[in-house]
PDB file of N, CA and C in Angstrom:
ATOM      1  N   GLN A   1     -15.767 -32.183 -13.999  1.00  0.00           N
ATOM      2  CA  GLN A   1     -14.915 -32.338 -12.998  1.00  0.00           C
ATOM      3  C   GLN A   1     -15.048 -30.895 -12.154  1.00  0.00           C
ATOM      4  N   VAL A   2     -15.019 -30.813 -10.843  1.00  0.00           N
ATOM      5  CA  VAL A   2     -15.163 -29.799 -10.172  1.00  0.00           C
ATOM      6  C   VAL A   2     -14.038 -29.170  -9.670  1.00  0.00           C
ATOM      7  N   GLN A   3     -14.274 -27.853  -9.302  1.00  0.00           N
ATOM      8  CA  GLN A   3     -13.258 -27.839  -8.993  1.00  0.00           C
ATOM      9  C   GLN A   3     -13.405 -26.494  -7.435  1.00  0.00           C
ATOM     10  N   LEU A   4     -12.328 -26.364  -6.489  1.00  0.00           N
ATOM     11  CA  LEU A   4     -13.015 -25.502  -5.413  1.00  0.00           C
ATOM     12  C   LEU A   4     -11.425 -25.045  -5.204  1.00  0.00           C
ATOM     13  N   VAL A   5     -11.964 -24.196  -4.205  1.00  0.00           N
ATOM     14  CA  VAL A   5     -10.872 -22.769  -4.160  1.00  0.00           C
ATOM     15  C   VAL A   5     -11.284 -22.233  -3.177  1.00  0.00           C
ATOM     16  N   GLU A   6     -10.537 -22.166  -1.905  1.00  0.00           N
ATOM     17  CA  GLU A   6     -10.248 -21.996  -0.479  1.00  0.00           C
ATOM     18  C   GLU A   6     -10.039 -20.826  -0.612  1.00  0.00           C
ATOM     19  N   SER A   7     -10.042 -19.559   0.768  1.00  0.00           N
ATOM     20  CA  SER A   7      -9.281 -18.652   1.197  1.00  0.00           C
ATOM     21  C   SER A   7      -9.886 -18.513   2.234  1.00  0.00           C
ATOM     22  N   GLY A   8      -9.071 -17.618   3.129  1.00  0.00           N
ATOM     23  CA  GLY A   8      -9.519 -17.554   4.439  1.00  0.00           C
ATOM     24  C   GLY A   8      -8.038 -17.666   5.709  1.00  0.00           C
ATOM     25  N   GLY A   9      -7.108 -18.564   4.966  1.00  0.00           N
ATOM     26  CA  GLY A   9      -6.282 -19.281   5.861  1.00  0.00           C
ATOM     27  C   GLY A   9      -5.445 -17.775   6.594  1.00  0.00           C
ATOM     28  N   ASP A  10      -4.878 -17.809   7.843  1.00  0.00           N
ATOM     29  CA  ASP A  10      -3.224 -17.102   7.948  1.00  0.00           C
ATOM     30  C   ASP A  10      -3.497 -17.249   9.341  1.00  0.00           C
ATOM     31  N   LEU A  11      -2.584 -16.556  10.041  1.00  0.00           N
ATOM     32  CA  LEU A  11      -1.630 -16.458  11.012  1.00  0.00           C
ATOM     33  C   LEU A  11      -3.132 -15.692  12.533  1.00  0.00           C
ATOM     34  N   VAL A  12      -2.731 -16.253  12.832  1.00  0.00           N
ATOM     35  CA  VAL A  12      -4.348 -15.834  14.719  1.00  0.00           C
ATOM     36  C   VAL A  12      -3.077 -16.050  15.909  1.00  0.00           C
ATOM     37  N   GLN A  13      -3.833 -15.341  16.633  1.00  0.00           N
ATOM     38  CA  GLN A  13      -3.186 -15.603  17.958  1.00  0.00           C
ATOM     39  C   GLN A  13      -4.530 -16.424  18.728  1.00  0.00           C
ATOM     40  N   PRO A  14      -4.273 -17.510  19.696  1.00  0.00           N
ATOM     41  CA  PRO A  14      -4.646 -17.861  20.617  1.00  0.00           C
ATOM     42  C   PRO A  14      -6.030 -17.344  21.311  1.00  0.00           C
ATOM     43  N   GLY A  15      -6.685 -18.132  20.304  1.00  0.00           N
ATOM     44  CA  GLY A  15      -8.131 -17.601  21.181  1.00  0.00           C
ATOM     45  C   GLY A  15      -8.313 -16.700  20.498  1.00  0.00           C
ATOM     46  N   GLY A  16      -7.619 -17.126  19.003  1.00  0.00           N
ATOM     47  CA  GLY A  16      -8.458 -15.401  17.874  1.00  0.00           C
ATOM     48  C   GLY A  16     -10.149 -17.043  16.872  1.00  0.00           C
ATOM     49  N   SER A  17     -10.328 -15.915  16.074  1.00  0.00           N
ATOM     50  CA  SER A  17     -10.819 -16.270  14.886  1.00  0.00           C
ATOM     51  C   SER A  17     -10.932 -16.242  14.223  1.00  0.00           C
ATOM     52  N   LEU A  18     -11.571 -16.984  12.425  1.00  0.00           N
ATOM     53  CA  LEU A  18     -10.439 -16.988  11.333  1.00  0.00           C
ATOM     54  C   LEU A  18     -12.568 -17.486  10.893  1.00  0.00           C
ATOM     55  N   ARG A  19     -11.904 -17.065   9.084  1.00  0.00           N
ATOM     56  CA  ARG A  19     -14.109 -17.841   8.792  1.00  0.00           C
ATOM     57  C   ARG A  19     -13.011 -18.572   7.473  1.00  0.00           C
ATOM     58  N   LEU A  20     -12.609 -19.695   7.515  1.00  0.00           N
ATOM     59  CA  LEU A  20     -12.377 -20.243   5.448  1.00  0.00           C
ATOM     60  C   LEU A  20     -13.952 -20.114   4.463  1.00  0.00           C
ATOM     61  N   SER A  21     -13.865 -19.724   3.770  1.00  0.00           N
ATOM     62  CA  SER A  21     -14.543 -19.803   2.517  1.00  0.00           C
ATOM     63  C   SER A  21     -14.444 -20.753   0.996  1.00  0.00           C
ATOM     64  N   CYS A  22     -15.313 -22.231   0.526  1.00  0.00           N
ATOM     65  CA  CYS A  22     -14.487 -22.646  -0.587  1.00  0.00           C
ATOM     66  C   CYS A  22     -15.746 -22.847  -1.867  1.00  0.00           C
ATOM     67  N   ALA A  23     -15.383 -21.995  -2.455  1.00  0.00           N
ATOM     68  CA  ALA A  23     -16.421 -21.819  -3.978  1.00  0.00           C
ATOM     69  C   ALA A  23     -15.965 -23.149  -4.813  1.00  0.00           C
ATOM     70  N   ALA A  24     -17.098 -23.793  -5.000  1.00  0.00           N
ATOM     71  CA  ALA A  24     -17.478 -24.899  -5.884  1.00  0.00           C
ATOM     72  C   ALA A  24     -17.754 -23.981  -7.387  1.00  0.00           C
ATOM     73  N   SER A  25     -17.255 -24.594  -8.173  1.00  0.00           N
ATOM     74  CA  SER A  25     -17.371 -24.623  -9.778  1.00  0.00           C
ATOM     75  C   SER A  25     -17.573 -25.830 -10.956  1.00  0.00           C
ATOM     76  N   GLY A  26     -18.045 -25.322 -11.354  1.00  0.00           N
ATOM     77  CA  GLY A  26     -18.025 -26.908 -12.741  1.00  0.00           C
ATOM     78  C   GLY A  26     -19.137 -27.437 -12.739  1.00  0.00           C
ATOM     79  N   ARG A  27     -19.246 -28.945 -13.008  1.00  0.00           N
ATOM     80  CA  ARG A  27     -20.278 -29.671 -12.627  1.00  0.00           C
ATOM     81  C   ARG A  27     -20.828 -30.255 -11.613  1.00  0.00           C
ATOM     82  N   LEU A  28     -21.689 -29.413 -11.091  1.00  0.00           N
ATOM     83  CA  LEU A  28     -21.812 -29.317 -10.156  1.00  0.00           C
ATOM     84  C   LEU A  28     -23.457 -30.358  -9.681  1.00  0.00           C
ATOM     85  N   PHE A  29     -23.316 -31.205  -8.644  1.00  0.00           N
ATOM     86  CA  PHE A  29     -25.126 -31.670  -8.476  1.00  0.00           C
ATOM     87  C   PHE A  29     -26.067 -31.753  -7.421  1.00  0.00           C
ATOM     88  N   SER A  30     -27.265 -31.247  -6.938  1.00  0.00           N
ATOM     89  CA  SER A  30     -27.527 -30.558  -6.308  1.00  0.00           C
ATOM     90  C   SER A  30     -27.499 -31.537  -5.110  1.00  0.00           C
ATOM     91  N   ILE A  31     -27.286 -32.489  -5.237  1.00  0.00           N
ATOM     92  CA  ILE A  31     -27.053 -33.233  -3.910  1.00  0.00           C
ATOM     93  C   ILE A  31     -25.874 -33.750  -3.956  1.00  0.00           C
ATOM     94  N   ASN A  32     -25.150 -33.293  -2.776  1.00  0.00           N
ATOM     95  CA  ASN A  32     -23.771 -33.790  -2.153  1.00  0.00           C
ATOM     96  C   ASN A  32     -23.557 -33.319  -1.384  1.00  0.00           C
ATOM     97  N   VAL A  33     -22.395 -33.298  -0.512  1.00  0.00           N
ATOM     98  CA  VAL A  33     -22.181 -33.278   0.648  1.00  0.00           C
ATOM     99  C   VAL A  33     -20.529 -32.105   0.641  1.00  0.00           C
ATOM    100  N   MET A  34     -20.335 -30.863   1.171  1.00  0.00           N
ATOM    101  CA  MET A  34     -19.166 -30.422   1.958  1.00  0.00           C
ATOM    102  C   MET A  34     -18.354 -30.750   2.636  1.00  0.00           C
ATOM    103  N   GLY A  35     -17.696 -30.677   2.433  1.00  0.00           N
ATOM    104  CA  GLY A  35     -16.522 -29.999   4.244  1.00  0.00           C
ATOM    105  C   GLY A  35     -15.702 -29.798   4.746  1.00  0.00           C
ATOM    106  N   TRP A  36     -14.789 -29.359   5.839  1.00  0.00           N
ATOM    107  CA  TRP A  36     -13.408 -29.058   6.109  1.00  0.00           C
ATOM    108  C   TRP A  36     -12.773 -30.232   6.275  1.00  0.00           C
ATOM    109  N   TYR A  37     -11.394 -30.920   6.012  1.00  0.00           N
ATOM    110  CA  TYR A  37     -11.066 -31.326   6.459  1.00  0.00           C
ATOM    111  C   TYR A  37      -9.863 -30.665   6.794  1.00  0.00           C
ATOM    112  N   ARG A  38      -8.579 -30.860   7.415  1.00  0.00           N
ATOM    113  CA  ARG A  38      -7.048 -30.212   8.251  1.00  0.00           C
ATOM    114  C   ARG A  38      -6.325 -31.702   8.197  1.00  0.00           C
ATOM    115  N   GLN A  39      -5.063 -31.055   7.814  1.00  0.00           N
ATOM    116  CA  GLN A  39      -4.659 -32.022   7.761  1.00  0.00           C
ATOM    117  C   GLN A  39      -2.802 -31.169   8.499  1.00  0.00           C
ATOM    118  N   ALA A  40      -2.059 -32.121   9.896  1.00  0.00           N
ATOM    119  CA  ALA A  40      -0.894 -31.310  10.310  1.00  0.00           C
ATOM    120  C   ALA A  40      -0.019 -31.950  10.351  1.00  0.00           C
ATOM    121  N   PRO A  41       1.193 -31.148  10.122  1.00  0.00           N
ATOM    122  CA  PRO A  41       2.980 -31.947   9.678  1.00  0.00           C
ATOM    123  C   PRO A  41       2.779 -33.092  10.826  1.00  0.00           C
ATOM    124  N   GLY A  42       3.050 -34.235  10.098  1.00  0.00           N
ATOM    125  CA  GLY A  42       3.170 -35.416  10.430  1.00  0.00           C
ATOM    126  C   GLY A  42       1.935 -35.990  10.591  1.00  0.00           C
ATOM    127  N   LYS A  43       0.996 -36.106  10.306  1.00  0.00           N
ATOM    128  CA  LYS A  43      -0.256 -36.186  11.443  1.00  0.00           C
ATOM    129  C   LYS A  43      -1.032 -36.696   9.241  1.00  0.00           C
ATOM    130  N   GLU A  44      -2.064 -37.664  10.092  1.00  0.00           N
ATOM    131  CA  GLU A  44      -3.282 -37.882   8.454  1.00  0.00           C
ATOM    132  C   GLU A  44      -4.068 -36.699   8.142  1.00  0.00           C
ATOM    133  N   ARG A  45      -4.355 -36.658   7.798  1.00  0.00           N
ATOM    134  CA  ARG A  45      -5.598 -35.878   6.807  1.00  0.00           C
ATOM    135  C   ARG A  45      -6.985 -36.252   7.815  1.00  0.00           C
ATOM    136  N   GLU A  46      -7.757 -35.224   8.938  1.00  0.00           N
ATOM    137  CA  GLU A  46      -8.676 -35.805   9.543  1.00  0.00           C
ATOM    138  C   GLU A  46      -9.987 -34.931   9.486  1.00  0.00           C
ATOM    139  N   LEU A  47     -11.240 -34.920   9.020  1.00  0.00           N
ATOM    140  CA  LEU A  47     -12.268 -34.727   8.843  1.00  0.00           C
ATOM    141  C   LEU A  47     -12.677 -33.463  10.483  1.00  0.00           C
ATOM    142  N   VAL A  48     -12.865 -32.584   9.499  1.00  0.00           N
ATOM    143  CA  VAL A  48     -13.391 -31.006  10.966  1.00  0.00           C
ATOM    144  C   VAL A  48     -14.646 -31.300  10.820  1.00  0.00           C
ATOM    145  N   ALA A  49     -15.679 -30.720   9.543  1.00  0.00           N
ATOM    146  CA  ALA A  49     -17.052 -30.546   9.467  1.00  0.00           C
ATOM    147  C   ALA A  49     -17.130 -31.002   8.219  1.00  0.00           C
ATOM    148  N   HIS A  50     -18.968 -31.231   8.561  1.00  0.00           N
ATOM    149  CA  HIS A  50     -19.232 -31.838   6.756  1.00  0.00           C
ATOM    150  C   HIS A  50     -20.839 -30.919   7.141  1.00  0.00           C
ATOM    151  N   ILE A  51     -20.978 -30.575   5.976  1.00  0.00           N
ATOM    152  CA  ILE A  51     -22.925 -30.678   5.786  1.00  0.00           C
ATOM    153  C   ILE A  51     -23.599 -30.806   4.536  1.00  0.00           C
ATOM    154  N   THR A  52     -23.995 -31.354   4.418  1.00  0.00           N
ATOM    155  CA  THR A  52     -25.292 -31.811   3.281  1.00  0.00           C
ATOM    156  C   THR A  52     -25.316 -30.235   2.381  1.00  0.00           C
ATOM    157  N   ASN A  53     -26.317 -30.955   1.530  1.00  0.00           N
ATOM    158  CA  ASN A  53     -27.085 -29.998   0.451  1.00  0.00           C
ATOM    159  C   ASN A  53     -28.318 -29.284   1.585  1.00  0.00           C
ATOM    160  N   THR A  54     -29.037 -30.457   2.514  1.00  0.00           N
ATOM    161  CA  THR A  54     -30.268 -30.094   3.093  1.00  0.00           C
ATOM    162  C   THR A  54     -29.488 -29.235   4.284  1.00  0.00           C
ATOM    163  N   GLY A  55     -28.231 -29.108   4.548  1.00  0.00           N
ATOM    164  CA  GLY A  55     -28.289 -28.448   6.344  1.00  0.00           C
ATOM    165  C   GLY A  55     -27.819 -28.986   7.044  1.00  0.00           C
ATOM    166  N   TYR A  56     -27.739 -30.438   7.051  1.00  0.00           N
ATOM    167  CA  TYR A  56     -27.434 -31.043   8.267  1.00  0.00           C
ATOM    168  C   TYR A  56     -26.158 -31.584   8.180  1.00  0.00           C
ATOM    169  N   ALA A  57     -24.918 -30.703   9.676  1.00  0.00           N
ATOM    170  CA  ALA A  57     -23.529 -30.476   9.818  1.00  0.00           C
ATOM    171  C   ALA A  57     -23.376 -32.057  10.610  1.00  0.00           C
ATOM    172  N   ASN A  58     -22.420 -31.824  11.018  1.00  0.00           N
ATOM    173  CA  ASN A  58     -21.955 -33.122  12.058  1.00  0.00           C
ATOM    174  C   ASN A  58     -19.953 -32.423  12.042  1.00  0.00           C
ATOM    175  N   TYR A  59     -19.930 -32.358  13.484  1.00  0.00           N
ATOM    176  CA  TYR A  59     -18.526 -32.496  13.544  1.00  0.00           C
ATOM    177  C   TYR A  59     -17.301 -33.526  14.301  1.00  0.00           C
ATOM    178  N   ALA A  60     -16.318 -32.657  14.238  1.00  0.00           N
ATOM    179  CA  ALA A  60     -15.309 -33.667  14.748  1.00  0.00           C
ATOM    180  C   ALA A  60     -15.326 -33.694  16.213  1.00  0.00           C
ATOM    181  N   ASP A  61     -14.946 -34.531  17.141  1.00  0.00           N
ATOM    182  CA  ASP A  61     -14.938 -34.043  18.893  1.00  0.00           C
ATOM    183  C   ASP A  61     -14.256 -32.738  19.133  1.00  0.00           C
ATOM    184  N   SER A  62     -13.144 -33.118  18.505  1.00  0.00           N
ATOM    185  CA  SER A  62     -11.955 -31.761  18.994  1.00  0.00           C
ATOM    186  C   SER A  62     -12.209 -30.084  18.409  1.00  0.00           C
ATOM    187  N   VAL A  63     -13.870 -29.802  18.110  1.00  0.00           N
ATOM    188  CA  VAL A  63     -13.497 -28.483  17.296  1.00  0.00           C
ATOM    189  C   VAL A  63     -15.226 -28.554  17.697  1.00  0.00           C
ATOM    190  N   LYS A  64     -15.926 -29.214  18.292  1.00  0.00           N
ATOM    191  CA  LYS A  64     -17.576 -28.817  18.623  1.00  0.00           C
ATOM    192  C   LYS A  64     -17.510 -27.866  19.935  1.00  0.00           C
ATOM    193  N   GLY A  65     -18.519 -26.581  19.188  1.00  0.00           N
ATOM    194  CA  GLY A  65     -19.103 -25.728  20.153  1.00  0.00           C
ATOM    195  C   GLY A  65     -17.787 -24.479  20.260  1.00  0.00           C
ATOM    196  N   ARG A  66     -17.071 -25.041  18.835  1.00  0.00           N
ATOM    197  CA  ARG A  66     -15.807 -23.799  18.007  1.00  0.00           C
ATOM    198  C   ARG A  66     -15.938 -23.669  17.345  1.00  0.00           C
ATOM    199  N   PHE A  67     -16.202 -24.189  16.376  1.00  0.00           N
ATOM    200  CA  PHE A  67     -16.406 -24.813  14.820  1.00  0.00           C
ATOM    201  C   PHE A  67     -17.863 -24.354  14.352  1.00  0.00           C
ATOM    202  N   THR A  68     -18.479 -24.021  13.542  1.00  0.00           N
ATOM    203  CA  THR A  68     -19.238 -23.565  13.004  1.00  0.00           C
ATOM    204  C   THR A  68     -19.338 -23.816  11.122  1.00  0.00           C
ATOM    205  N   ILE A  69     -20.344 -24.853  10.825  1.00  0.00           N
ATOM    206  CA  ILE A  69     -19.637 -24.620   9.130  1.00  0.00           C
ATOM    207  C   ILE A  69     -21.199 -24.220   8.963  1.00  0.00           C
ATOM    208  N   SER A  70     -21.197 -23.633   8.069  1.00  0.00           N
ATOM    209  CA  SER A  70     -22.644 -23.015   6.996  1.00  0.00           C
ATOM    210  C   SER A  70     -22.353 -23.461   5.360  1.00  0.00           C
ATOM    211  N   ARG A  71     -23.000 -22.935   5.179  1.00  0.00           N
ATOM    212  CA  ARG A  71     -23.466 -23.372   3.398  1.00  0.00           C
ATOM    213  C   ARG A  71     -24.289 -21.508   2.536  1.00  0.00           C
ATOM    214  N   ASP A  72     -23.691 -21.606   1.690  1.00  0.00           N
ATOM    215  CA  ASP A  72     -24.769 -20.924   0.104  1.00  0.00           C
ATOM    216  C   ASP A  72     -24.903 -21.460  -0.889  1.00  0.00           C
ATOM    217  N   ASN A  73     -26.125 -22.413  -0.660  1.00  0.00           N
ATOM    218  CA  ASN A  73     -26.724 -23.627  -2.190  1.00  0.00           C
ATOM    219  C   ASN A  73     -26.500 -21.957  -3.079  1.00  0.00           C
ATOM    220  N   ALA A  74     -27.315 -20.711  -2.863  1.00  0.00           N
ATOM    221  CA  ALA A  74     -27.262 -19.725  -4.143  1.00  0.00           C
ATOM    222  C   ALA A  74     -25.798 -20.006  -4.595  1.00  0.00           C
ATOM    223  N   LYS A  75     -24.520 -19.930  -3.693  1.00  0.00           N
ATOM    224  CA  LYS A  75     -23.241 -19.409  -4.415  1.00  0.00           C
ATOM    225  C   LYS A  75     -22.337 -20.500  -4.369  1.00  0.00           C
ATOM    226  N   ASN A  76     -22.587 -22.078  -4.164  1.00  0.00           N
ATOM    227  CA  ASN A  76     -21.944 -23.050  -3.980  1.00  0.00           C
ATOM    228  C   ASN A  76     -20.919 -22.613  -3.295  1.00  0.00           C
ATOM    229  N   THR A  77     -20.876 -22.003  -2.432  1.00  0.00           N
ATOM    230  CA  THR A  77     -19.704 -22.095  -1.154  1.00  0.00           C
ATOM    231  C   THR A  77     -19.977 -22.532   0.569  1.00  0.00           C
ATOM    232  N   VAL A  78     -18.764 -22.578   0.529  1.00  0.00           N
ATOM    233  CA  VAL A  78     -18.912 -23.286   1.991  1.00  0.00           C
ATOM    234  C   VAL A  78     -18.230 -22.487   3.176  1.00  0.00           C
ATOM    235  N   TYR A  79     -18.925 -22.546   4.151  1.00  0.00           N
ATOM    236  CA  TYR A  79     -17.845 -21.996   4.952  1.00  0.00           C
ATOM    237  C   TYR A  79     -17.383 -22.295   6.312  1.00  0.00           C
ATOM    238  N   LEU A  80     -16.613 -22.013   7.350  1.00  0.00           N
ATOM    239  CA  LEU A  80     -16.228 -22.803   8.561  1.00  0.00           C
ATOM    240  C   LEU A  80     -15.421 -21.344   9.614  1.00  0.00           C
ATOM    241  N   GLN A  81     -16.300 -20.826  10.069  1.00  0.00           N
ATOM    242  CA  GLN A  81     -16.233 -19.678  11.278  1.00  0.00           C
ATOM    243  C   GLN A  81     -15.743 -21.043  12.571  1.00  0.00           C
ATOM    244  N   MET A  82     -14.358 -20.522  12.581  1.00  0.00           N
ATOM    245  CA  MET A  82     -13.298 -21.010  13.763  1.00  0.00           C
ATOM    246  C   MET A  82     -13.385 -20.098  14.897  1.00  0.00           C
ATOM    247  N   ASN A  83     -13.682 -20.451  15.822  1.00  0.00           N
ATOM    248  CA  ASN A  83     -13.512 -19.445  17.533  1.00  0.00           C
ATOM    249  C   ASN A  83     -13.041 -19.780  18.616  1.00  0.00           C
ATOM    250  N   SER A  84     -12.175 -19.303  18.880  1.00  0.00           N
ATOM    251  CA  SER A  84     -11.364 -19.632  20.282  1.00  0.00           C
ATOM    252  C   SER A  84     -10.186 -20.664  19.535  1.00  0.00           C
ATOM    253  N   LEU A  85      -9.300 -20.266  18.648  1.00  0.00           N
ATOM    254  CA  LEU A  85      -8.285 -21.014  17.612  1.00  0.00           C
ATOM    255  C   LEU A  85      -7.337 -21.942  19.397  1.00  0.00           C
ATOM    256  N   LYS A  86      -7.013 -22.471  18.735  1.00  0.00           N
ATOM    257  CA  LYS A  86      -5.565 -22.917  19.859  1.00  0.00           C
ATOM    258  C   LYS A  86      -4.889 -23.538  19.244  1.00  0.00           C
ATOM    259  N   PRO A  87      -3.250 -23.410  19.447  1.00  0.00           N
ATOM    260  CA  PRO A  87      -2.148 -24.037  18.503  1.00  0.00           C
ATOM    261  C   PRO A  87      -2.444 -25.635  18.426  1.00  0.00           C
ATOM    262  N   GLU A  88      -2.792 -26.197  18.451  1.00  0.00           N
ATOM    263  CA  GLU A  88      -3.343 -27.680  18.231  1.00  0.00           C
ATOM    264  C   GLU A  88      -4.090 -27.520  16.506  1.00  0.00           C
ATOM    265  N   ASP A  89      -4.682 -26.434  16.823  1.00  0.00           N
ATOM    266  CA  ASP A  89      -5.657 -26.269  15.492  1.00  0.00           C
ATOM    267  C   ASP A  89      -4.901 -25.747  14.184  1.00  0.00           C
ATOM    268  N   THR A  90      -3.444 -25.657  14.445  1.00  0.00           N
ATOM    269  CA  THR A  90      -2.738 -25.873  13.440  1.00  0.00           C
ATOM    270  C   THR A  90      -2.400 -26.762  12.215  1.00  0.00           C
ATOM    271  N   ALA A  91      -2.683 -26.215  11.132  1.00  0.00           N
ATOM    272  CA  ALA A  91      -3.285 -27.875   9.620  1.00  0.00           C
ATOM    273  C   ALA A  91      -2.811 -26.268   8.068  1.00  0.00           C
ATOM    274  N   VAL A  92      -2.787 -26.993   7.348  1.00  0.00           N
ATOM    275  CA  VAL A  92      -3.432 -27.084   5.789  1.00  0.00           C
ATOM    276  C   VAL A  92      -5.242 -27.109   6.581  1.00  0.00           C
ATOM    277  N   TYR A  93      -5.683 -26.663   6.189  1.00  0.00           N
ATOM    278  CA  TYR A  93      -6.832 -26.722   5.979  1.00  0.00           C
ATOM    279  C   TYR A  93      -7.632 -26.820   4.242  1.00  0.00           C
ATOM    280  N   TYR A  94      -8.041 -28.021   4.205  1.00  0.00           N
ATOM    281  CA  TYR A  94      -9.191 -28.277   2.615  1.00  0.00           C
ATOM    282  C   TYR A  94     -10.457 -28.023   3.037  1.00  0.00           C
ATOM    283  N   CYS A  95     -11.411 -27.499   1.608  1.00  0.00           N
ATOM    284  CA  CYS A  95     -12.300 -28.008   1.156  1.00  0.00           C
ATOM    285  C   CYS A  95     -11.595 -29.502   0.688  1.00  0.00           C
ATOM    286  N   ASN A  96     -13.637 -30.106   0.162  1.00  0.00           N
ATOM    287  CA  ASN A  96     -13.892 -31.185  -0.007  1.00  0.00           C
ATOM    288  C   ASN A  96     -15.393 -30.889  -0.232  1.00  0.00           C
ATOM    289  N   ARG A  97     -15.492 -32.077  -1.267  1.00  0.00           N
ATOM    290  CA  ARG A  97     -16.958 -31.751  -1.862  1.00  0.00           C
ATOM    291  C   ARG A  97     -17.165 -33.397  -2.343  1.00  0.00           C
ATOM    292  N   ARG A  98     -17.814 -33.804  -1.774  1.00  0.00           N
ATOM    293  CA  ARG A  98     -18.938 -35.250  -2.169  1.00  0.00           C
ATOM    294  C   ARG A  98     -19.785 -35.508  -3.058  1.00  0.00           C
ATOM    295  N   GLN A  99     -20.032 -35.720  -4.411  1.00  0.00           N
ATOM    296  CA  GLN A  99     -21.171 -36.077  -5.188  1.00  0.00           C
ATOM    297  C   GLN A  99     -20.951 -37.174  -6.340  1.00  0.00           C
ATOM    298  N   ASP A 100     -21.862 -37.344  -7.095  1.00  0.00           N
ATOM    299  CA  ASP A 100     -21.579 -38.489  -7.804  1.00  0.00           C
ATOM    300  C   ASP A 100     -20.803 -39.252  -7.323  1.00  0.00           C
ATOM    301  N   GLY A 101     -20.696 -40.061  -6.558  1.00  0.00           N
ATOM    302  CA  GLY A 101     -19.404 -40.844  -6.261  1.00  0.00           C
ATOM    303  C   GLY A 101     -18.593 -40.907  -5.695  1.00  0.00           C
ATOM    304  N   ASN A 102     -17.972 -39.845  -5.825  1.00  0.00           N
ATOM    305  CA  ASN A 102     -16.785 -38.804  -5.969  1.00  0.00           C
ATOM    306  C   ASN A 102     -16.410 -37.797  -4.965  1.00  0.00           C
ATOM    307  N   HIS A 103     -15.042 -37.652  -4.632  1.00  0.00           N
ATOM    308  CA  HIS A 103     -14.970 -36.689  -3.872  1.00  0.00           C
ATOM    309  C   HIS A 103     -13.530 -35.792  -4.529  1.00  0.00           C
ATOM    310  N   TYR A 104     -14.457 -34.296  -4.108  1.00  0.00           N
ATOM    311  CA  TYR A 104     -13.779 -33.329  -5.144  1.00  0.00           C
ATOM    312  C   TYR A 104     -12.633 -32.543  -3.688  1.00  0.00           C
ATOM    313  N   TRP A 105     -10.668 -31.784  -4.158  1.00  0.00           N
ATOM    314  CA  TRP A 105     -10.559 -31.147  -3.258  1.00  0.00           C
ATOM    315  C   TRP A 105     -10.282 -30.319  -3.407  1.00  0.00           C
ATOM    316  N   GLY A 106     -10.285 -29.069  -2.821  1.00  0.00           N
ATOM    317  CA  GLY A 106      -9.263 -28.252  -3.406  1.00  0.00           C
ATOM    318  C   GLY A 106      -7.681 -28.018  -2.758  1.00  0.00           C
ATOM    319  N   GLN A 107      -7.154 -27.153  -2.560  1.00  0.00           N
ATOM    320  CA  GLN A 107      -5.797 -27.032  -2.828  1.00  0.00           C
ATOM    321  C   GLN A 107      -5.190 -26.793  -1.576  1.00  0.00           C
ATOM    322  N   GLY A 108      -5.790 -26.579  -0.736  1.00  0.00           N
ATOM    323  CA  GLY A 108      -5.870 -26.355   0.781  1.00  0.00           C
ATOM    324  C   GLY A 108      -5.058 -24.649   0.850  1.00  0.00           C
ATOM    325  N   THR A 109      -5.501 -24.375   2.401  1.00  0.00           N
ATOM    326  CA  THR A 109      -5.061 -22.913   2.318  1.00  0.00           C
ATOM    327  C   THR A 109      -4.499 -22.942   4.426  1.00  0.00           C
ATOM    328  N   GLN A 110      -3.783 -22.919   5.048  1.00  0.00           N
ATOM    329  CA  GLN A 110      -2.957 -22.730   6.376  1.00  0.00           C
ATOM    330  C   GLN A 110      -3.043 -21.994   6.903  1.00  0.00           C
ATOM    331  N   VAL A 111      -3.618 -22.540   8.242  1.00  0.00           N
ATOM    332  CA  VAL A 111      -4.080 -21.654   9.480  1.00  0.00           C
ATOM    333  C   VAL A 111      -3.095 -22.122  10.130  1.00  0.00           C
ATOM    334  N   THR A 112      -2.862 -21.322  10.559  1.00  0.00           N
ATOM    335  CA  THR A 112      -1.514 -21.090  11.303  1.00  0.00           C
ATOM    336  C   THR A 112      -1.439 -20.294  13.009  1.00  0.00           C
ATOM    337  N   VAL A 113      -1.903 -21.105  14.529  1.00  0.00           N
ATOM    338  CA  VAL A 113      -2.670 -20.512  15.810  1.00  0.00           C
ATOM    339  C   VAL A 113      -1.030 -20.660  16.438  1.00  0.00           C
ATOM    340  N   SER A 114      -0.917 -19.317  16.758  1.00  0.00           N
ATOM    341  CA  SER A 114       0.625 -18.753  17.463  1.00  0.00           C
ATOM    342  C   SER A 114       0.534 -17.493  17.826  1.00  0.00           C
ATOM    343  N   SER A 115       0.877 -17.232  19.087  1.00  0.00           N
ATOM    344  CA  SER A 115       1.789 -16.170  19.776  1.00  0.00           C
ATOM    345  C   SER A 115       2.733 -15.084  19.345  1.00  0.00           C
TER     346      SER A 115
END
């Protein structure tokens, strides 16, 4: 089993920045993809960004140029640096890990962008 624990969600003003973290523990495989999804009220969960264990990253068009995903394999941790935040970025952000044919999810962390 895999456990994912997120942190870093908060209330921030438009134009502000936040950094989310997600630490993985448990039965971890070296070949994996870690990422961030988000779900706003009344909307489906959507991919924000993901990064492979070799460092290849992919982003949703809506966050390109504003968000940066990174990881520290030694700490089994993935980060999401979010800059130039907009009200439409408001959502619950979920950490995800794909390995051994399975998806694992964190409990989610709330990001609210509002003045």
